[in-house]
Amino acid sequence: MADILHEILKVEEKAQEIVKNAQQEADGILQNARIEADKLLNESKNQIQKDAEKIISSAIDKTKSERDTKIKAIKEEDKRIEEETQKYIPEAVDFLINTLAFNKEKK
């Protein structure tokens, strides 16, 4: 009978050791899963940041391009207007001279 009790105790100890080892293994698996999940999360965050920076950079470049195009158009319009007004300067000068001369003669 003592042998049977001794054998039962051995089996119980072995079962407890198996449970303990299984728990340690499960804890290790969970810890590794957490580490891997954190790593993947950080990689995703980094990728999202890079993608956001690319989108912002692209938007800035597009805005600069549009600004440059508008500035160029304004400069061209300014040049056209200046050329147009230069055509009328001699006429304006003649008009002013004639007007002033006419007013001077009236006095």
N, C-alpha and C. Protein backbone atom coordinates (compact mmCIF):
# COMPACT_ATOMS: atom_id res chain seq x y z
N MET A 1 0.80 -1.18 0.00
CA MET A 1 0.00 0.00 0.00
C MET A 1 0.86 1.26 0.00
N ALA A 2 1.94 1.24 0.76
CA ALA A 2 2.83 2.38 0.83
C ALA A 2 3.44 2.65 -0.54
N ASP A 3 3.71 1.56 -1.25
CA ASP A 3 4.27 1.74 -2.59
C ASP A 3 3.29 2.46 -3.51
N ILE A 4 2.04 2.13 -3.36
CA ILE A 4 1.02 2.76 -4.19
C ILE A 4 0.91 4.25 -3.84
N LEU A 5 0.92 4.57 -2.54
CA LEU A 5 0.86 5.98 -2.12
C LEU A 5 2.10 6.73 -2.59
N HIS A 6 3.22 6.06 -2.50
CA HIS A 6 4.46 6.69 -2.96
C HIS A 6 4.40 6.94 -4.47
N GLU A 7 3.88 5.99 -5.18
CA GLU A 7 3.73 6.12 -6.64
C GLU A 7 2.76 7.24 -6.98
N ILE A 8 1.67 7.35 -6.24
CA ILE A 8 0.68 8.41 -6.46
C ILE A 8 1.34 9.77 -6.22
N LEU A 9 2.13 9.88 -5.14
CA LEU A 9 2.84 11.14 -4.85
C LEU A 9 3.79 11.50 -5.97
N LYS A 10 4.50 10.53 -6.50
CA LYS A 10 5.42 10.78 -7.62
C LYS A 10 4.67 11.29 -8.84
N VAL A 11 3.53 10.65 -9.10
CA VAL A 11 2.73 11.04 -10.27
C VAL A 11 2.17 12.45 -10.06
N GLU A 12 1.73 12.74 -8.82
CA GLU A 12 1.23 14.09 -8.54
C GLU A 12 2.34 15.12 -8.69
N GLU A 13 3.53 14.82 -8.20
CA GLU A 13 4.66 15.74 -8.33
C GLU A 13 5.00 15.96 -9.81
N LYS A 14 4.98 14.87 -10.56
CA LYS A 14 5.27 14.97 -11.98
C LYS A 14 4.20 15.80 -12.68
N ALA A 15 2.93 15.59 -12.31
CA ALA A 15 1.84 16.36 -12.89
C ALA A 15 1.99 17.84 -12.56
N GLN A 16 2.36 18.13 -11.30
CA GLN A 16 2.58 19.53 -10.92
C GLN A 16 3.75 20.14 -11.71
N GLU A 17 4.78 19.36 -11.91
CA GLU A 17 5.94 19.82 -12.70
C GLU A 17 5.53 20.08 -14.15
N ILE A 18 4.70 19.21 -14.70
CA ILE A 18 4.21 19.39 -16.07
C ILE A 18 3.37 20.66 -16.16
N VAL A 19 2.48 20.86 -15.17
CA VAL A 19 1.64 22.05 -15.15
C VAL A 19 2.51 23.30 -15.02
N LYS A 20 3.50 23.25 -14.14
CA LYS A 20 4.40 24.38 -13.93
C LYS A 20 5.16 24.71 -15.22
N ASN A 21 5.69 23.68 -15.87
CA ASN A 21 6.41 23.88 -17.13
C ASN A 21 5.49 24.43 -18.22
N ALA A 22 4.28 23.90 -18.27
CA ALA A 22 3.32 24.36 -19.27
C ALA A 22 2.97 25.84 -19.03
N GLN A 23 2.80 26.21 -17.75
CA GLN A 23 2.50 27.60 -17.41
C GLN A 23 3.66 28.52 -17.79
N GLN A 24 4.89 28.08 -17.52
CA GLN A 24 6.07 28.87 -17.88
C GLN A 24 6.17 29.02 -19.40
N GLU A 25 5.91 27.94 -20.08
CA GLU A 25 5.95 28.00 -21.55
C GLU A 25 4.87 28.93 -22.09
N ALA A 26 3.68 28.85 -21.51
CA ALA A 26 2.58 29.73 -21.94
C ALA A 26 2.93 31.19 -21.65
N ASP A 27 3.51 31.46 -20.48
CA ASP A 27 3.92 32.82 -20.14
C ASP A 27 4.97 33.33 -21.13
N GLY A 28 5.91 32.46 -21.48
CA GLY A 28 6.94 32.84 -22.45
C GLY A 28 6.34 33.14 -23.82
N ILE A 29 5.39 32.31 -24.24
CA ILE A 29 4.73 32.53 -25.53
C ILE A 29 3.98 33.86 -25.51
N LEU A 30 3.27 34.13 -24.41
CA LEU A 30 2.55 35.40 -24.30
C LEU A 30 3.50 36.59 -24.31
N GLN A 31 4.60 36.47 -23.59
CA GLN A 31 5.58 37.56 -23.57
C GLN A 31 6.17 37.80 -24.96
N ASN A 32 6.51 36.73 -25.65
CA ASN A 32 7.02 36.87 -27.02
C ASN A 32 5.98 37.47 -27.96
N ALA A 33 4.73 37.08 -27.76
CA ALA A 33 3.65 37.63 -28.59
C ALA A 33 3.49 39.13 -28.33
N ARG A 34 3.60 39.54 -27.07
CA ARG A 34 3.51 40.98 -26.74
C ARG A 34 4.68 41.74 -27.37
N ILE A 35 5.86 41.20 -27.26
CA ILE A 35 7.04 41.85 -27.84
C ILE A 35 6.88 41.98 -29.35
N GLU A 36 6.44 40.92 -29.98
CA GLU A 36 6.25 40.94 -31.44
C GLU A 36 5.15 41.92 -31.84
N ALA A 37 4.07 41.94 -31.05
CA ALA A 37 2.98 42.88 -31.34
C ALA A 37 3.46 44.32 -31.20
N ASP A 38 4.24 44.61 -30.15
CA ASP A 38 4.78 45.96 -29.98
C ASP A 38 5.70 46.33 -31.14
N LYS A 39 6.51 45.38 -31.56
CA LYS A 39 7.42 45.61 -32.67
C LYS A 39 6.63 45.94 -33.95
N LEU A 40 5.61 45.14 -34.23
CA LEU A 40 4.79 45.37 -35.42
C LEU A 40 4.05 46.70 -35.33
N LEU A 41 3.58 47.04 -34.14
CA LEU A 41 2.88 48.31 -33.95
C LEU A 41 3.82 49.48 -34.21
N ASN A 42 5.03 49.40 -33.69
CA ASN A 42 6.01 50.47 -33.92
C ASN A 42 6.38 50.58 -35.40
N GLU A 43 6.53 49.45 -36.06
CA GLU A 43 6.83 49.46 -37.50
C GLU A 43 5.68 50.11 -38.28
N SER A 44 4.45 49.78 -37.89
CA SER A 44 3.28 50.38 -38.54
C SER A 44 3.23 51.88 -38.31
N LYS A 45 3.50 52.30 -37.07
CA LYS A 45 3.51 53.73 -36.76
C LYS A 45 4.57 54.44 -37.60
N ASN A 46 5.74 53.84 -37.69
CA ASN A 46 6.82 54.45 -38.48
C ASN A 46 6.42 54.56 -39.95
N GLN A 47 5.81 53.52 -40.47
CA GLN A 47 5.39 53.54 -41.87
C GLN A 47 4.31 54.59 -42.10
N ILE A 48 3.39 54.69 -41.18
CA ILE A 48 2.33 55.70 -41.28
C ILE A 48 2.95 57.09 -41.26
N GLN A 49 3.93 57.30 -40.39
CA GLN A 49 4.62 58.60 -40.31
C GLN A 49 5.32 58.92 -41.63
N LYS A 50 6.00 57.92 -42.20
CA LYS A 50 6.68 58.13 -43.47
C LYS A 50 5.68 58.45 -44.58
N ASP A 51 4.57 57.72 -44.61
CA ASP A 51 3.54 57.96 -45.62
C ASP A 51 2.95 59.36 -45.46
N ALA A 52 2.71 59.76 -44.22
CA ALA A 52 2.16 61.10 -43.97
C ALA A 52 3.14 62.17 -44.43
N GLU A 53 4.43 61.96 -44.16
CA GLU A 53 5.44 62.93 -44.59
C GLU A 53 5.49 63.02 -46.11
N LYS A 54 5.35 61.88 -46.79
CA LYS A 54 5.33 61.90 -48.26
C LYS A 54 4.12 62.67 -48.78
N ILE A 55 2.97 62.44 -48.17
CA ILE A 55 1.75 63.13 -48.60
C ILE A 55 1.89 64.63 -48.38
N ILE A 56 2.40 65.02 -47.22
CA ILE A 56 2.58 66.44 -46.92
C ILE A 56 3.58 67.06 -47.87
N SER A 57 4.68 66.36 -48.11
CA SER A 57 5.71 66.87 -49.03
C SER A 57 5.14 67.04 -50.44
N SER A 58 4.35 66.09 -50.86
CA SER A 58 3.73 66.16 -52.18
C SER A 58 2.78 67.35 -52.26
N ALA A 59 2.00 67.55 -51.21
CA ALA A 59 1.07 68.69 -51.18
C ALA A 59 1.82 70.01 -51.20
N ILE A 60 2.92 70.08 -50.48
CA ILE A 60 3.74 71.30 -50.47
C ILE A 60 4.31 71.56 -51.85
N ASP A 61 4.84 70.51 -52.48
CA ASP A 61 5.40 70.66 -53.82
C ASP A 61 4.33 71.12 -54.81
N LYS A 62 3.14 70.54 -54.71
CA LYS A 62 2.05 70.93 -55.61
C LYS A 62 1.66 72.39 -55.38
N THR A 63 1.59 72.78 -54.13
CA THR A 63 1.24 74.17 -53.79
C THR A 63 2.30 75.13 -54.32
N LYS A 64 3.57 74.77 -54.16
CA LYS A 64 4.65 75.62 -54.67
C LYS A 64 4.56 75.75 -56.18
N SER A 65 4.27 74.64 -56.84
CA SER A 65 4.16 74.65 -58.29
C SER A 65 3.01 75.55 -58.74
N GLU A 66 1.87 75.42 -58.08
CA GLU A 66 0.72 76.26 -58.41
C GLU A 66 1.04 77.74 -58.14
N ARG A 67 1.71 78.01 -57.03
CA ARG A 67 2.10 79.38 -56.70
C ARG A 67 3.03 79.94 -57.77
N ASP A 68 4.02 79.16 -58.17
CA ASP A 68 4.96 79.60 -59.20
C ASP A 68 4.26 79.87 -60.53
N THR A 69 3.31 79.01 -60.86
CA THR A 69 2.54 79.20 -62.10
C THR A 69 1.75 80.50 -62.03
N LYS A 70 1.11 80.76 -60.90
CA LYS A 70 0.32 81.98 -60.75
C LYS A 70 1.22 83.21 -60.76
N ILE A 71 2.37 83.14 -60.11
CA ILE A 71 3.30 84.27 -60.11
C ILE A 71 3.78 84.55 -61.53
N LYS A 72 4.07 83.50 -62.27
CA LYS A 72 4.52 83.67 -63.65
C LYS A 72 3.42 84.34 -64.49
N ALA A 73 2.19 83.90 -64.31
CA ALA A 73 1.06 84.48 -65.06
C ALA A 73 0.88 85.95 -64.69
N ILE A 74 1.02 86.26 -63.41
CA ILE A 74 0.87 87.65 -62.97
C ILE A 74 1.99 88.51 -63.55
N LYS A 75 3.21 88.00 -63.55
CA LYS A 75 4.32 88.75 -64.12
C LYS A 75 4.13 88.98 -65.62
N GLU A 76 3.63 87.96 -66.31
CA GLU A 76 3.37 88.12 -67.74
C GLU A 76 2.28 89.15 -67.98
N GLU A 77 1.23 89.13 -67.16
CA GLU A 77 0.15 90.11 -67.28
C GLU A 77 0.68 91.51 -66.96
N ASP A 78 1.51 91.61 -65.95
CA ASP A 78 2.11 92.90 -65.58
C ASP A 78 2.95 93.45 -66.73
N LYS A 79 3.74 92.58 -67.34
CA LYS A 79 4.57 92.99 -68.48
C LYS A 79 3.69 93.45 -69.64
N ARG A 80 2.63 92.70 -69.91
CA ARG A 80 1.72 93.05 -71.00
C ARG A 80 1.08 94.42 -70.74
N ILE A 81 0.63 94.63 -69.51
CA ILE A 81 0.00 95.91 -69.17
C ILE A 81 1.01 97.05 -69.28
N GLU A 82 2.24 96.81 -68.82
CA GLU A 82 3.28 97.84 -68.91
C GLU A 82 3.57 98.19 -70.36
N GLU A 83 3.67 97.17 -71.21
CA GLU A 83 3.91 97.42 -72.64
C GLU A 83 2.74 98.20 -73.25
N GLU A 84 1.54 97.84 -72.85
CA GLU A 84 0.34 98.52 -73.35
C GLU A 84 0.34 99.98 -72.93
N THR A 85 0.67 100.23 -71.67
CA THR A 85 0.67 101.62 -71.19
C THR A 85 1.79 102.43 -71.82
N GLN A 86 2.91 101.79 -72.12
CA GLN A 86 4.02 102.50 -72.75
C GLN A 86 3.62 103.05 -74.12
N LYS A 87 2.71 102.36 -74.78
CA LYS A 87 2.24 102.81 -76.09
C LYS A 87 1.53 104.16 -75.97
N TYR A 88 0.86 104.38 -74.84
CA TYR A 88 0.03 105.57 -74.69
C TYR A 88 0.76 106.74 -74.03
N ILE A 89 1.97 106.55 -73.57
CA ILE A 89 2.70 107.63 -72.91
C ILE A 89 2.91 108.82 -73.84
N PRO A 90 3.37 108.62 -75.09
CA PRO A 90 3.54 109.79 -75.96
C PRO A 90 2.23 110.56 -76.16
N GLU A 91 1.14 109.83 -76.33
CA GLU A 91 -0.15 110.50 -76.50
C GLU A 91 -0.54 111.26 -75.23
N ALA A 92 -0.28 110.66 -74.06
CA ALA A 92 -0.62 111.30 -72.80
C ALA A 92 0.22 112.56 -72.60
N VAL A 93 1.50 112.47 -72.94
CA VAL A 93 2.38 113.63 -72.82
C VAL A 93 1.89 114.75 -73.73
N ASP A 94 1.60 114.39 -74.99
CA ASP A 94 1.09 115.40 -75.93
C ASP A 94 -0.20 116.02 -75.41
N PHE A 95 -1.09 115.19 -74.86
CA PHE A 95 -2.35 115.69 -74.34
C PHE A 95 -2.11 116.68 -73.20
N LEU A 96 -1.20 116.30 -72.28
CA LEU A 96 -0.90 117.18 -71.15
C LEU A 96 -0.27 118.49 -71.62
N ILE A 97 0.67 118.38 -72.54
CA ILE A 97 1.31 119.59 -73.06
C ILE A 97 0.29 120.49 -73.73
N ASN A 98 -0.55 119.91 -74.57
CA ASN A 98 -1.59 120.69 -75.25
C ASN A 98 -2.58 121.29 -74.26
N THR A 99 -2.95 120.52 -73.25
CA THR A 99 -3.89 121.01 -72.25
C THR A 99 -3.27 122.16 -71.47
N LEU A 100 -2.02 121.97 -71.06
CA LEU A 100 -1.34 123.02 -70.31
C LEU A 100 -1.13 124.26 -71.18
N ALA A 101 -0.77 124.02 -72.42
CA ALA A 101 -0.55 125.15 -73.34
C ALA A 101 -1.85 125.86 -73.59
N PHE A 102 -2.94 125.13 -73.73
CA PHE A 102 -4.25 125.73 -73.95
C PHE A 102 -4.67 126.55 -72.75
N ASN A 103 -4.44 125.98 -71.56
CA ASN A 103 -4.80 126.70 -70.32
C ASN A 103 -3.93 127.94 -70.14
N LYS A 104 -2.68 127.84 -70.56
CA LYS A 104 -1.77 128.97 -70.44
C LYS A 104 -2.21 130.09 -71.39
N GLU A 105 -2.65 129.70 -72.57
CA GLU A 105 -3.09 130.70 -73.56
C GLU A 105 -4.37 131.38 -73.12
N LYS A 106 -5.21 130.66 -72.42
CA LYS A 106 -6.46 131.23 -71.93
C LYS A 106 -6.22 132.31 -70.90
N LYS A 107 -5.20 132.22 -70.16
CA LYS A 107 -4.95 133.15 -69.07
C LYS A 107 -4.42 134.41 -69.61
